[in-house]
Amino acid sequence: MTTNDSSPLNDPPSPCVGVCVIAPKTQWCEGCYRTLDEIAGWWDYNSDQKHAVIAQLDDRLVRIMSGAFD
């Protein structure tokens, strides 16, 4: 049996760490770096959409750490 990438079996876990505060400058959660839309839609996203969001999170952290929003 094969599964495709959009199968629920391939769903990544939520990146939520329980620090649910939206930063005014970035509009990203200070805990997981997702937008409100990404947080709200997470459980409706398919695996591919979830992986696409997760792929952006490291870049967002790098941008914050580099002072891009200061």
C-alpha atoms as a PDB file:
ATOM      1  CA  MET A   1       0.000   0.000   0.000  1.00  0.00           C
ATOM      2  CA  THR A   2       1.288   3.462  -0.856  1.00  0.00           C
ATOM      3  CA  THR A   3       0.323   6.829   0.559  1.00  0.00           C
ATOM      4  CA  ASN A   4       0.680  10.226  -1.044  1.00  0.00           C
ATOM      5  CA  ASP A   5       2.067  13.321   0.629  1.00  0.00           C
ATOM      6  CA  SER A   6      -1.401  14.733   1.283  1.00  0.00           C
ATOM      7  CA  SER A   7      -2.467  11.701   3.305  1.00  0.00           C
ATOM      8  CA  PRO A   8      -3.376  12.354   6.958  1.00  0.00           C
ATOM      9  CA  LEU A   9      -0.783   9.699   7.795  1.00  0.00           C
ATOM     10  CA  ASN A  10       1.874  12.190   6.639  1.00  0.00           C
ATOM     11  CA  ASP A  11       0.479  15.128   8.616  1.00  0.00           C
ATOM     12  CA  PRO A  12       3.168  16.923  10.579  1.00  0.00           C
ATOM     13  CA  PRO A  13       2.285  17.781  14.162  1.00  0.00           C
ATOM     14  CA  SER A  14       1.150  21.299  14.947  1.00  0.00           C
ATOM     15  CA  PRO A  15       4.102  23.610  15.614  1.00  0.00           C
ATOM     16  CA  CYS A  16       2.168  25.226  18.490  1.00  0.00           C
ATOM     17  CA  VAL A  17       4.230  25.538  21.672  1.00  0.00           C
ATOM     18  CA  GLY A  18       1.526  27.164  23.782  1.00  0.00           C
ATOM     19  CA  VAL A  19       2.886  30.725  23.530  1.00  0.00           C
ATOM     20  CA  CYS A  20      -0.052  32.236  21.694  1.00  0.00           C
ATOM     21  CA  VAL A  21       0.766  35.922  21.247  1.00  0.00           C
ATOM     22  CA  ILE A  22       0.610  37.693  17.898  1.00  0.00           C
ATOM     23  CA  ALA A  23       3.516  40.123  17.440  1.00  0.00           C
ATOM     24  CA  PRO A  24       2.265  43.497  16.204  1.00  0.00           C
ATOM     25  CA  LYS A  25       5.154  44.082  13.770  1.00  0.00           C
ATOM     26  CA  THR A  26       5.185  40.686  12.075  1.00  0.00           C
ATOM     27  CA  GLN A  27       1.630  39.472  12.640  1.00  0.00           C
ATOM     28  CA  TRP A  28       3.165  36.084  13.475  1.00  0.00           C
ATOM     29  CA  CYS A  29       2.647  34.123  16.650  1.00  0.00           C
ATOM     30  CA  GLU A  30       5.619  34.614  18.979  1.00  0.00           C
ATOM     31  CA  GLY A  31       5.580  30.905  19.846  1.00  0.00           C
ATOM     32  CA  CYS A  32       5.213  29.122  16.515  1.00  0.00           C
ATOM     33  CA  TYR A  33       5.688  31.947  13.956  1.00  0.00           C
ATOM     34  CA  ARG A  34       2.448  31.167  12.128  1.00  0.00           C
ATOM     35  CA  THR A  35      -0.070  33.791  11.023  1.00  0.00           C
ATOM     36  CA  LEU A  36      -3.553  33.877  12.502  1.00  0.00           C
ATOM     37  CA  ASP A  37      -4.911  32.432   9.251  1.00  0.00           C
ATOM     38  CA  GLU A  38      -2.404  29.570   9.379  1.00  0.00           C
ATOM     39  CA  ILE A  39      -3.256  28.852  13.005  1.00  0.00           C
ATOM     40  CA  ALA A  40      -7.010  28.977  12.391  1.00  0.00           C
ATOM     41  CA  GLY A  41      -6.819  26.823   9.273  1.00  0.00           C
ATOM     42  CA  TRP A  42      -4.322  24.253  10.539  1.00  0.00           C
ATOM     43  CA  TRP A  43      -6.843  21.483  11.242  1.00  0.00           C
ATOM     44  CA  ASP A  44      -8.494  22.009   7.842  1.00  0.00           C
ATOM     45  CA  TYR A  45      -5.216  21.982   5.894  1.00  0.00           C
ATOM     46  CA  ASN A  46      -4.130  18.859   4.081  1.00  0.00           C
ATOM     47  CA  SER A  47      -0.631  17.433   4.644  1.00  0.00           C
ATOM     48  CA  ASP A  48       0.883  19.350   1.746  1.00  0.00           C
ATOM     49  CA  GLN A  49      -0.459  22.653   3.074  1.00  0.00           C
ATOM     50  CA  LYS A  50       0.840  21.898   6.584  1.00  0.00           C
ATOM     51  CA  HIS A  51       4.287  21.014   5.244  1.00  0.00           C
ATOM     52  CA  ALA A  52       4.312  24.249   3.209  1.00  0.00           C
ATOM     53  CA  VAL A  53       3.596  26.294   6.348  1.00  0.00           C
ATOM     54  CA  ILE A  54       6.264  24.471   8.342  1.00  0.00           C
ATOM     55  CA  ALA A  55       8.782  25.075   5.545  1.00  0.00           C
ATOM     56  CA  GLN A  56       8.339  28.841   6.078  1.00  0.00           C
ATOM     57  CA  LEU A  57       8.785  28.853   9.859  1.00  0.00           C
ATOM     58  CA  ASP A  58      12.596  28.626   9.972  1.00  0.00           C
ATOM     59  CA  ASP A  59      12.869  31.527   7.518  1.00  0.00           C
ATOM     60  CA  ARG A  60      10.526  33.600   9.650  1.00  0.00           C
ATOM     61  CA  LEU A  61      12.611  32.893  12.758  1.00  0.00           C
ATOM     62  CA  VAL A  62      15.786  33.884  10.897  1.00  0.00           C
ATOM     63  CA  ARG A  63      14.165  37.146   9.818  1.00  0.00           C
ATOM     64  CA  ILE A  64      13.152  37.921  13.401  1.00  0.00           C
ATOM     65  CA  MET A  65      16.574  37.025  14.791  1.00  0.00           C
ATOM     66  CA  SER A  66      18.328  39.143  12.164  1.00  0.00           C
ATOM     67  CA  GLY A  67      16.407  42.220  13.316  1.00  0.00           C
ATOM     68  CA  ALA A  68      14.476  42.582  10.072  1.00  0.00           C
ATOM     69  CA  PHE A  69      11.473  43.868  12.019  1.00  0.00           C
ATOM     70  CA  ASP A  70      13.194  46.233  14.469  1.00  0.00           C
END
